[in-house]
Amino acid sequence: MVKAAKKKTKTFVLDCARPVDDKIMEIGSFEKFLKDRIKVNGKAGVLGDAVTITTEKSKIVVTTEVEMSKRYLKYLTKKYLKKHNVRDWLRVVASNKDRSVYELRYFNIADQDAEEDEE
């Protein structure tokens, strides 16, 4: 007796508002990077109907029907940042409001400068 597996869809959001507003990164190139790199059944770039990637202003929405971890999207985002040499200024953080949302934030450089002055 084999039960038909329900197709569960998961939706992940990558909020790139801050770097896109500051023109540090292009949302289009990031979307293309994800389309080329996300692996489905062990093959990169072959998304088919299982994974859809859309852009809404400065957010990228990844909807998947196959098993995919949120951590995998964080890994790919960090890889993109490193490739474009902005990994030193940006970090990928899970949102406090909604846990299926990742935000790209700047490192708090001002806080580190204040700590160095106190020493």
Foldseek 3Di string as FASTA:
>chain_A
DDDDDDQDKDKAKEAEVVCVVVVVDDQVVLQVLQCQADDDPRDGNCPDPQWDWDDDPRMIMIMGRDDDDLVVVQVSVCVVCVVSVNNQFWHWAQDPVDRRYIYIDGDPVVVVVVVVVVD
